[in-house]
Amino acid sequence: MRRTTPLAVAVTLAAALTAASCSSNSGGSERRSVDSEKPAADPAAAKEFRAVVEAARSTSVTISESLVLQDDGKRTVLVIDGPFDLAHGRGKLLVHAGGPIEQLDQIFVGDKAYLSTRKDQWLVTDRSKAESHHLLRAPLNDPQHLLAQIAATTKITKSSKDPVFGGAATRYRGALAYHALTSRTAEKTRGEIDGYRQDSEGAVLPVSVDAYVKQGRLALVRLDFKMDDDFAHVSLQLSDFGEPVEVTAPPSATPIAPPAEGALAFMTG
């Protein structure tokens, strides 16, 4: 498994996103004017987008994901990457983070997820029983769950502007609805999400989806949430479509319940 450490890149991304968030807080009247000019949802664009996402979920890819999270003034950055055969539920991920656990190896084979923070010492848990404990985190960092959320994007429109690939990609924009955000989340996390909904006077949580399709394939998806001083930014890049993924389950592992608290729970969602 690769031992690259792209954490510094994600920290730079965190600074850039924070600056963008700060600038977006100014000019309330201008923002309302822009919001009022947003195009209506496009059913044809939604059908196209969901077909592309489902195609990605039916093949193998290389995952490159970064997360920048801030809650109650505490900011954390995670980087997750590795090859994954989404069609057959097999893959391996390497998770980097600053904290008590700096690195976590994950291997997925069917419904089993293997976790290791030390060489040749593995834990194993049930993939289907895991829950998410943080907003915009997938249970056990499972990319299939994240892509299922993305497939549930609502209010989808197609944009002619492509600021990432210089016009080489088709850009889709939309929002994540409540049911997608709360899918397989722990009870405490759902309560926090409900609290955000109350703060926004019952409106759908402001979680935006910004996706780019290049040469007919899902190349990049950005999920963005911000409310007051709390925010979550997720960037998911997919590449190496259809390449073989070799995965072997560890010869031995200690069974555990899906992590629900502590450093390991944070590393796994």
C-alpha atoms as a PDB file:
ATOM      1  CA  MET A   1       0.000   0.000   0.000  1.00  0.00           C
ATOM      2  CA  ARG A   2       1.273   3.468  -0.858  1.00  0.00           C
ATOM      3  CA  ARG A   3       2.862   5.487   1.915  1.00  0.00           C
ATOM      4  CA  THR A   4       2.526   8.943   0.413  1.00  0.00           C
ATOM      5  CA  THR A   5       1.695  11.730   2.842  1.00  0.00           C
ATOM      6  CA  PRO A   6      -0.360  14.378   1.048  1.00  0.00           C
ATOM      7  CA  LEU A   7      -1.453  15.963   4.324  1.00  0.00           C
ATOM      8  CA  ALA A   8       0.419  19.197   3.643  1.00  0.00           C
ATOM      9  CA  VAL A   9      -1.571  19.628   0.430  1.00  0.00           C
ATOM     10  CA  ALA A  10      -4.820  19.227   2.334  1.00  0.00           C
ATOM     11  CA  VAL A  11      -3.709  21.765   4.965  1.00  0.00           C
ATOM     12  CA  THR A  12      -3.089  24.255   2.180  1.00  0.00           C
ATOM     13  CA  LEU A  13      -6.531  23.425   0.850  1.00  0.00           C
ATOM     14  CA  ALA A  14      -7.982  24.094   4.298  1.00  0.00           C
ATOM     15  CA  ALA A  15      -6.479  27.580   4.357  1.00  0.00           C
ATOM     16  CA  ALA A  16      -7.801  28.351   0.893  1.00  0.00           C
ATOM     17  CA  LEU A  17     -11.274  27.093   1.736  1.00  0.00           C
ATOM     18  CA  THR A  18     -11.349  29.117   4.937  1.00  0.00           C
ATOM     19  CA  ALA A  19     -10.425  32.254   3.052  1.00  0.00           C
ATOM     20  CA  ALA A  20     -13.158  31.560   0.516  1.00  0.00           C
ATOM     21  CA  SER A  21     -15.671  30.966   3.307  1.00  0.00           C
ATOM     22  CA  CYS A  22     -14.777  34.261   4.958  1.00  0.00           C
ATOM     23  CA  SER A  23     -15.151  36.206   1.732  1.00  0.00           C
ATOM     24  CA  SER A  24     -18.521  34.570   1.045  1.00  0.00           C
ATOM     25  CA  ASN A  25     -19.892  35.919   4.341  1.00  0.00           C
ATOM     26  CA  SER A  26     -19.735  39.531   3.125  1.00  0.00           C
ATOM     27  CA  GLY A  27     -22.325  41.264   0.991  1.00  0.00           C
ATOM     28  CA  GLY A  28     -25.570  39.737   2.220  1.00  0.00           C
ATOM     29  CA  SER A  29     -27.731  41.644  -0.239  1.00  0.00           C
ATOM     30  CA  GLU A  30     -25.481  40.620  -3.123  1.00  0.00           C
ATOM     31  CA  ARG A  31     -25.661  36.983  -2.042  1.00  0.00           C
ATOM     32  CA  ARG A  32     -29.463  37.105  -1.903  1.00  0.00           C
ATOM     33  CA  SER A  33     -29.492  38.563  -5.398  1.00  0.00           C
ATOM     34  CA  VAL A  34     -27.262  35.789  -6.713  1.00  0.00           C
ATOM     35  CA  ASP A  35     -29.380  33.133  -4.980  1.00  0.00           C
ATOM     36  CA  SER A  36     -32.520  34.491  -6.588  1.00  0.00           C
ATOM     37  CA  GLU A  37     -30.919  34.053 -10.013  1.00  0.00           C
ATOM     38  CA  LYS A  38     -30.002  30.375  -9.563  1.00  0.00           C
ATOM     39  CA  PRO A  39     -31.415  28.231 -12.389  1.00  0.00           C
ATOM     40  CA  ALA A  40     -34.247  25.841 -11.670  1.00  0.00           C
ATOM     41  CA  ALA A  41     -33.514  22.130 -11.338  1.00  0.00           C
ATOM     42  CA  ASP A  42     -33.039  20.370 -14.667  1.00  0.00           C
ATOM     43  CA  PRO A  43     -34.579  16.843 -14.823  1.00  0.00           C
ATOM     44  CA  ALA A  44     -32.493  15.909 -17.867  1.00  0.00           C
ATOM     45  CA  ALA A  45     -29.284  17.026 -16.144  1.00  0.00           C
ATOM     46  CA  ALA A  46     -30.264  15.056 -13.037  1.00  0.00           C
ATOM     47  CA  LYS A  47     -30.754  11.903 -15.106  1.00  0.00           C
ATOM     48  CA  GLU A  48     -27.379  12.363 -16.801  1.00  0.00           C
ATOM     49  CA  PHE A  49     -25.608  12.995 -13.519  1.00  0.00           C
ATOM     50  CA  ARG A  50     -27.069  10.019 -11.703  1.00  0.00           C
ATOM     51  CA  ALA A  51     -26.193   7.733 -14.610  1.00  0.00           C
ATOM     52  CA  VAL A  52     -22.568   8.867 -14.404  1.00  0.00           C
ATOM     53  CA  VAL A  53     -22.438   8.307 -10.645  1.00  0.00           C
ATOM     54  CA  GLU A  54     -23.964   4.839 -10.962  1.00  0.00           C
ATOM     55  CA  ALA A  55     -21.423   3.996 -13.661  1.00  0.00           C
ATOM     56  CA  ALA A  56     -18.625   4.932 -11.246  1.00  0.00           C
ATOM     57  CA  ARG A  57     -20.171   2.725  -8.562  1.00  0.00           C
ATOM     58  CA  SER A  58     -20.105  -0.198 -10.976  1.00  0.00           C
ATOM     59  CA  THR A  59     -16.394  -0.286 -11.734  1.00  0.00           C
ATOM     60  CA  SER A  60     -12.984   0.062 -10.090  1.00  0.00           C
ATOM     61  CA  VAL A  61     -11.322   3.418  -9.396  1.00  0.00           C
ATOM     62  CA  THR A  62      -8.550   5.042  -7.430  1.00  0.00           C
ATOM     63  CA  ILE A  63      -9.943   7.135  -4.582  1.00  0.00           C
ATOM     64  CA  SER A  64      -8.310  10.436  -3.617  1.00  0.00           C
ATOM     65  CA  GLU A  65     -10.328  12.172  -0.917  1.00  0.00           C
ATOM     66  CA  SER A  66      -9.565  15.103   1.363  1.00  0.00           C
ATOM     67  CA  LEU A  67     -11.708  16.384   4.222  1.00  0.00           C
ATOM     68  CA  VAL A  68     -11.378  19.657   6.095  1.00  0.00           C
ATOM     69  CA  LEU A  69     -13.662  19.842   9.124  1.00  0.00           C
ATOM     70  CA  GLN A  70     -14.210  22.532  11.737  1.00  0.00           C
ATOM     71  CA  ASP A  71     -16.460  22.072  14.768  1.00  0.00           C
ATOM     72  CA  ASP A  72     -16.557  24.443  17.744  1.00  0.00           C
ATOM     73  CA  GLY A  73     -13.365  26.108  16.547  1.00  0.00           C
ATOM     74  CA  LYS A  74     -11.397  22.863  16.226  1.00  0.00           C
ATOM     75  CA  ARG A  75     -10.150  22.100  12.731  1.00  0.00           C
ATOM     76  CA  THR A  76      -9.033  18.708  11.486  1.00  0.00           C
ATOM     77  CA  VAL A  77      -7.785  17.505   8.123  1.00  0.00           C
ATOM     78  CA  LEU A  78      -7.926  13.975   6.737  1.00  0.00           C
ATOM     79  CA  VAL A  79      -6.616  12.518   3.493  1.00  0.00           C
ATOM     80  CA  ILE A  80      -7.898   9.159   2.223  1.00  0.00           C
ATOM     81  CA  ASP A  81      -6.624   7.380  -0.874  1.00  0.00           C
ATOM     82  CA  GLY A  82      -6.302   3.987  -2.460  1.00  0.00           C
ATOM     83  CA  PRO A  83      -7.658   1.634  -5.140  1.00  0.00           C
ATOM     84  CA  PHE A  84     -11.201   0.293  -4.828  1.00  0.00           C
ATOM     85  CA  ASP A  85     -13.237  -2.182  -6.863  1.00  0.00           C
ATOM     86  CA  LEU A  86     -16.634  -0.658  -6.198  1.00  0.00           C
ATOM     87  CA  ALA A  87     -18.422  -3.276  -8.281  1.00  0.00           C
ATOM     88  CA  HIS A  88     -17.236  -6.136  -6.066  1.00  0.00           C
ATOM     89  CA  GLY A  89     -16.859  -4.397  -2.693  1.00  0.00           C
ATOM     90  CA  ARG A  90     -13.100  -4.855  -2.475  1.00  0.00           C
ATOM     91  CA  GLY A  91     -10.435  -2.256  -1.911  1.00  0.00           C
ATOM     92  CA  LYS A  92      -7.779  -0.760   0.307  1.00  0.00           C
ATOM     93  CA  LEU A  93      -7.503   2.736   1.702  1.00  0.00           C
ATOM     94  CA  LEU A  94      -4.835   4.656   3.550  1.00  0.00           C
ATOM     95  CA  VAL A  95      -6.052   7.367   5.927  1.00  0.00           C
ATOM     96  CA  HIS A  96      -3.787  10.208   7.074  1.00  0.00           C
ATOM     97  CA  ALA A  97      -4.666  12.621   9.882  1.00  0.00           C
ATOM     98  CA  GLY A  98      -3.040  14.680  12.564  1.00  0.00           C
ATOM     99  CA  GLY A  99      -3.903  13.392  16.035  1.00  0.00           C
ATOM    100  CA  PRO A 100      -3.495  10.380  18.315  1.00  0.00           C
ATOM    101  CA  ILE A 101      -3.669   8.132  15.243  1.00  0.00           C
ATOM    102  CA  GLU A 102      -1.734   9.578  12.324  1.00  0.00           C
ATOM    103  CA  GLN A 103      -2.269   6.746   9.860  1.00  0.00           C
ATOM    104  CA  LEU A 104      -4.809   3.985   9.381  1.00  0.00           C
ATOM    105  CA  ASP A 105      -4.720   1.132   6.874  1.00  0.00           C
ATOM    106  CA  GLN A 106      -8.069  -0.242   5.712  1.00  0.00           C
ATOM    107  CA  ILE A 107      -8.869  -3.318   3.654  1.00  0.00           C
ATOM    108  CA  PHE A 108     -12.399  -4.077   2.452  1.00  0.00           C
ATOM    109  CA  VAL A 109     -13.415  -7.577   1.411  1.00  0.00           C
ATOM    110  CA  GLY A 110     -17.152  -8.062   1.017  1.00  0.00           C
ATOM    111  CA  ASP A 111     -18.885  -7.108   4.256  1.00  0.00           C
ATOM    112  CA  LYS A 112     -15.662  -7.170   6.275  1.00  0.00           C
ATOM    113  CA  ALA A 113     -13.529  -4.095   6.905  1.00  0.00           C
ATOM    114  CA  TYR A 114     -10.038  -4.623   8.303  1.00  0.00           C
ATOM    115  CA  LEU A 115      -8.317  -1.830  10.246  1.00  0.00           C
ATOM    116  CA  SER A 116      -4.690  -1.479  11.237  1.00  0.00           C
ATOM    117  CA  THR A 117      -2.644   1.212  12.937  1.00  0.00           C
ATOM    118  CA  ARG A 118       0.350  -1.071  13.487  1.00  0.00           C
ATOM    119  CA  LYS A 119       2.210  -3.370  11.155  1.00  0.00           C
ATOM    120  CA  ASP A 120       0.743  -6.866  10.979  1.00  0.00           C
ATOM    121  CA  GLN A 121      -1.855  -6.151  13.681  1.00  0.00           C
ATOM    122  CA  TRP A 122      -5.400  -6.043  12.353  1.00  0.00           C
ATOM    123  CA  LEU A 123      -8.914  -5.533  13.654  1.00  0.00           C
ATOM    124  CA  VAL A 124     -11.980  -6.602  11.688  1.00  0.00           C
ATOM    125  CA  THR A 125     -15.546  -5.300  11.802  1.00  0.00           C
ATOM    126  CA  ASP A 126     -18.787  -5.571   9.840  1.00  0.00           C
ATOM    127  CA  ARG A 127     -19.017  -3.010   7.083  1.00  0.00           C
ATOM    128  CA  SER A 128     -22.827  -3.074   6.935  1.00  0.00           C
ATOM    129  CA  LYS A 129     -23.223  -2.370  10.681  1.00  0.00           C
ATOM    130  CA  ALA A 130     -21.015   0.732  10.790  1.00  0.00           C
ATOM    131  CA  GLU A 131     -22.443   4.220  11.259  1.00  0.00           C
ATOM    132  CA  SER A 132     -21.147   7.703  10.589  1.00  0.00           C
ATOM    133  CA  HIS A 133     -20.379   9.910  13.582  1.00  0.00           C
ATOM    134  CA  HIS A 134     -19.620  13.167  11.763  1.00  0.00           C
ATOM    135  CA  LEU A 135     -21.344  15.272   9.127  1.00  0.00           C
ATOM    136  CA  LEU A 136     -20.275  14.359   5.568  1.00  0.00           C
ATOM    137  CA  ARG A 137     -18.288  11.331   6.764  1.00  0.00           C
ATOM    138  CA  ALA A 138     -18.960   7.887   5.363  1.00  0.00           C
ATOM    139  CA  PRO A 139     -19.132   4.902   7.742  1.00  0.00           C
ATOM    140  CA  LEU A 140     -15.648   3.331   7.763  1.00  0.00           C
ATOM    141  CA  ASN A 141     -14.717   5.831   5.011  1.00  0.00           C
ATOM    142  CA  ASP A 142     -16.651   3.569   2.654  1.00  0.00           C
ATOM    143  CA  PRO A 143     -16.559   5.160  -0.836  1.00  0.00           C
ATOM    144  CA  GLN A 144     -19.680   3.277  -1.895  1.00  0.00           C
ATOM    145  CA  HIS A 145     -21.648   5.078   0.812  1.00  0.00           C
ATOM    146  CA  LEU A 146     -20.264   8.467  -0.207  1.00  0.00           C
ATOM    147  CA  LEU A 147     -21.128   7.850  -3.847  1.00  0.00           C
ATOM    148  CA  ALA A 148     -24.626   6.720  -2.857  1.00  0.00           C
ATOM    149  CA  GLN A 149     -25.070  10.059  -1.068  1.00  0.00           C
ATOM    150  CA  ILE A 150     -23.794  11.901  -4.125  1.00  0.00           C
ATOM    151  CA  ALA A 151     -26.223   9.960  -6.331  1.00  0.00           C
ATOM    152  CA  ALA A 152     -29.044  11.295  -4.122  1.00  0.00           C
ATOM    153  CA  THR A 153     -28.165  14.904  -4.978  1.00  0.00           C
ATOM    154  CA  THR A 154     -31.246  17.066  -5.545  1.00  0.00           C
ATOM    155  CA  LYS A 155     -31.912  20.343  -7.385  1.00  0.00           C
ATOM    156  CA  ILE A 156     -29.367  19.370 -10.046  1.00  0.00           C
ATOM    157  CA  THR A 157     -28.436  21.842 -12.756  1.00  0.00           C
ATOM    158  CA  LYS A 158     -25.806  21.784 -15.478  1.00  0.00           C
ATOM    159  CA  SER A 159     -23.406  24.707 -15.643  1.00  0.00           C
ATOM    160  CA  SER A 160     -21.449  25.966 -18.635  1.00  0.00           C
ATOM    161  CA  LYS A 161     -18.681  27.239 -16.346  1.00  0.00           C
ATOM    162  CA  ASP A 162     -15.776  24.862 -15.651  1.00  0.00           C
ATOM    163  CA  PRO A 163     -13.254  26.580 -13.344  1.00  0.00           C
ATOM    164  CA  VAL A 164     -11.362  23.359 -12.577  1.00  0.00           C
ATOM    165  CA  PHE A 165     -10.630  21.691 -15.899  1.00  0.00           C
ATOM    166  CA  GLY A 166     -10.715  24.768 -18.100  1.00  0.00           C
ATOM    167  CA  GLY A 167     -13.779  23.768 -20.063  1.00  0.00           C
ATOM    168  CA  ALA A 168     -12.787  20.133 -20.545  1.00  0.00           C
ATOM    169  CA  ALA A 169     -15.431  18.871 -18.103  1.00  0.00           C
ATOM    170  CA  THR A 170     -19.187  19.165 -17.672  1.00  0.00           C
ATOM    171  CA  ARG A 171     -20.117  20.723 -14.362  1.00  0.00           C
ATOM    172  CA  TYR A 172     -23.178  19.731 -12.338  1.00  0.00           C
ATOM    173  CA  ARG A 173     -24.397  21.513  -9.229  1.00  0.00           C
ATOM    174  CA  GLY A 174     -26.973  20.596  -6.627  1.00  0.00           C
ATOM    175  CA  ALA A 175     -27.608  19.991  -2.924  1.00  0.00           C
ATOM    176  CA  LEU A 176     -27.784  17.071  -0.510  1.00  0.00           C
ATOM    177  CA  ALA A 177     -31.162  16.579   1.088  1.00  0.00           C
ATOM    178  CA  TYR A 178     -31.781  15.572   4.701  1.00  0.00           C
ATOM    179  CA  HIS A 179     -32.332  11.865   3.995  1.00  0.00           C
ATOM    180  CA  ALA A 180     -28.985  11.599   2.202  1.00  0.00           C
ATOM    181  CA  LEU A 181     -27.121  13.407   4.990  1.00  0.00           C
ATOM    182  CA  THR A 182     -28.603  11.240   7.723  1.00  0.00           C
ATOM    183  CA  SER A 183     -28.300   7.871   5.978  1.00  0.00           C
ATOM    184  CA  ARG A 184     -26.556   5.444   8.375  1.00  0.00           C
ATOM    185  CA  THR A 185     -25.595   8.184  10.824  1.00  0.00           C
ATOM    186  CA  ALA A 186     -25.425   7.560  14.562  1.00  0.00           C
ATOM    187  CA  GLU A 187     -28.266   8.894  16.695  1.00  0.00           C
ATOM    188  CA  LYS A 188     -26.102  11.628  18.232  1.00  0.00           C
ATOM    189  CA  THR A 189     -24.993  12.801  14.799  1.00  0.00           C
ATOM    190  CA  ARG A 190     -28.578  12.929  13.550  1.00  0.00           C
ATOM    191  CA  GLY A 191     -29.393  15.077  16.576  1.00  0.00           C
ATOM    192  CA  GLU A 192     -26.622  17.499  15.652  1.00  0.00           C
ATOM    193  CA  ILE A 193     -27.870  17.644  12.072  1.00  0.00           C
ATOM    194  CA  ASP A 194     -31.385  18.303  13.349  1.00  0.00           C
ATOM    195  CA  GLY A 195     -29.925  21.141  15.415  1.00  0.00           C
ATOM    196  CA  TYR A 196     -28.446  22.685  12.302  1.00  0.00           C
ATOM    197  CA  ARG A 197     -31.842  22.412  10.613  1.00  0.00           C
ATOM    198  CA  GLN A 198     -33.434  24.292  13.495  1.00  0.00           C
ATOM    199  CA  ASP A 199     -30.786  26.984  13.253  1.00  0.00           C
ATOM    200  CA  SER A 200     -31.666  27.400   9.577  1.00  0.00           C
ATOM    201  CA  GLU A 201     -35.377  27.665  10.471  1.00  0.00           C
ATOM    202  CA  GLY A 202     -36.218  24.219   9.183  1.00  0.00           C
ATOM    203  CA  ALA A 203     -34.768  24.697   5.726  1.00  0.00           C
ATOM    204  CA  VAL A 204     -32.780  22.011   3.971  1.00  0.00           C
ATOM    205  CA  LEU A 205     -29.228  22.058   5.266  1.00  0.00           C
ATOM    206  CA  PRO A 206     -26.951  24.166   3.067  1.00  0.00           C
ATOM    207  CA  VAL A 207     -24.807  21.315   1.755  1.00  0.00           C
ATOM    208  CA  SER A 208     -23.799  22.044  -1.814  1.00  0.00           C
ATOM    209  CA  VAL A 209     -22.613  19.525  -4.401  1.00  0.00           C
ATOM    210  CA  ASP A 210     -20.240  20.627  -7.162  1.00  0.00           C
ATOM    211  CA  ALA A 211     -19.351  17.800  -9.568  1.00  0.00           C
ATOM    212  CA  TYR A 212     -17.271  17.535 -12.721  1.00  0.00           C
ATOM    213  CA  VAL A 213     -17.690  14.887 -15.405  1.00  0.00           C
ATOM    214  CA  LYS A 214     -14.762  14.497 -17.791  1.00  0.00           C
ATOM    215  CA  GLN A 215     -14.867  12.269 -20.856  1.00  0.00           C
ATOM    216  CA  GLY A 216     -18.095  10.759 -19.578  1.00  0.00           C
ATOM    217  CA  ARG A 217     -16.655   9.811 -16.185  1.00  0.00           C
ATOM    218  CA  LEU A 218     -17.048  11.304 -12.734  1.00  0.00           C
ATOM    219  CA  ALA A 219     -13.734  13.055 -12.143  1.00  0.00           C
ATOM    220  CA  LEU A 220     -14.275  15.301  -9.122  1.00  0.00           C
ATOM    221  CA  VAL A 221     -16.984  15.995  -6.541  1.00  0.00           C
ATOM    222  CA  ARG A 222     -16.888  18.683  -3.877  1.00  0.00           C
ATOM    223  CA  LEU A 223     -19.295  18.750  -0.942  1.00  0.00           C
ATOM    224  CA  ASP A 224     -19.465  21.940   1.075  1.00  0.00           C
ATOM    225  CA  PHE A 225     -21.279  22.788   4.315  1.00  0.00           C
ATOM    226  CA  LYS A 226     -20.982  25.959   6.361  1.00  0.00           C
ATOM    227  CA  MET A 227     -23.041  27.362   9.200  1.00  0.00           C
ATOM    228  CA  ASP A 228     -21.686  30.087  11.467  1.00  0.00           C
ATOM    229  CA  ASP A 229     -18.134  29.012  12.362  1.00  0.00           C
ATOM    230  CA  ASP A 230     -18.634  25.311  11.637  1.00  0.00           C
ATOM    231  CA  PHE A 231     -17.849  23.887   8.229  1.00  0.00           C
ATOM    232  CA  ALA A 232     -17.079  20.700   6.354  1.00  0.00           C
ATOM    233  CA  HIS A 233     -15.394  20.505   2.954  1.00  0.00           C
ATOM    234  CA  VAL A 234     -15.035  17.196   1.136  1.00  0.00           C
ATOM    235  CA  SER A 235     -13.166  16.766  -2.136  1.00  0.00           C
ATOM    236  CA  LEU A 236     -13.412  13.390  -3.887  1.00  0.00           C
ATOM    237  CA  GLN A 237     -11.366  12.622  -6.991  1.00  0.00           C
ATOM    238  CA  LEU A 238     -11.748   9.433  -9.021  1.00  0.00           C
ATOM    239  CA  SER A 239      -9.200   8.104 -11.522  1.00  0.00           C
ATOM    240  CA  ASP A 240      -7.830   4.864 -13.035  1.00  0.00           C
ATOM    241  CA  PHE A 241     -11.287   3.637 -14.015  1.00  0.00           C
ATOM    242  CA  GLY A 242     -11.476  -0.084 -14.694  1.00  0.00           C
ATOM    243  CA  GLU A 243      -7.967  -0.919 -13.492  1.00  0.00           C
ATOM    244  CA  PRO A 244      -7.549  -4.248 -11.631  1.00  0.00           C
ATOM    245  CA  VAL A 245      -7.569  -4.026  -7.831  1.00  0.00           C
ATOM    246  CA  GLU A 246      -5.698  -6.729  -5.945  1.00  0.00           C
ATOM    247  CA  VAL A 247      -6.894  -7.188  -2.376  1.00  0.00           C
ATOM    248  CA  THR A 248      -6.052  -9.908   0.135  1.00  0.00           C
ATOM    249  CA  ALA A 249      -7.637 -10.163   3.563  1.00  0.00           C
ATOM    250  CA  PRO A 250      -5.157 -10.317   6.461  1.00  0.00           C
ATOM    251  CA  PRO A 251      -4.477 -13.887   7.642  1.00  0.00           C
ATOM    252  CA  SER A 252      -5.689 -13.025  11.143  1.00  0.00           C
ATOM    253  CA  ALA A 253      -7.623 -10.177  12.747  1.00  0.00           C
ATOM    254  CA  THR A 254      -9.331  -9.441  16.052  1.00  0.00           C
ATOM    255  CA  PRO A 255     -13.112  -8.960  15.708  1.00  0.00           C
ATOM    256  CA  ILE A 256     -14.525  -5.697  17.089  1.00  0.00           C
ATOM    257  CA  ALA A 257     -17.782  -3.782  16.926  1.00  0.00           C
ATOM    258  CA  PRO A 258     -17.729  -0.840  14.473  1.00  0.00           C
ATOM    259  CA  PRO A 259     -15.796   1.990  16.173  1.00  0.00           C
ATOM    260  CA  ALA A 260     -18.198   4.421  17.861  1.00  0.00           C
ATOM    261  CA  GLU A 261     -15.991   6.692  19.948  1.00  0.00           C
ATOM    262  CA  GLY A 262     -12.416   7.801  20.393  1.00  0.00           C
ATOM    263  CA  ALA A 263      -9.594   8.307  17.923  1.00  0.00           C
ATOM    264  CA  LEU A 264     -10.347   5.183  15.890  1.00  0.00           C
ATOM    265  CA  ALA A 265     -13.973   6.251  15.422  1.00  0.00           C
ATOM    266  CA  PHE A 266     -12.799   9.624  14.128  1.00  0.00           C
ATOM    267  CA  MET A 267     -10.394   7.991  11.670  1.00  0.00           C
ATOM    268  CA  THR A 268     -13.159   5.716  10.364  1.00  0.00           C
ATOM    269  CA  GLY A 269     -15.983   8.253  10.121  1.00  0.00           C
END
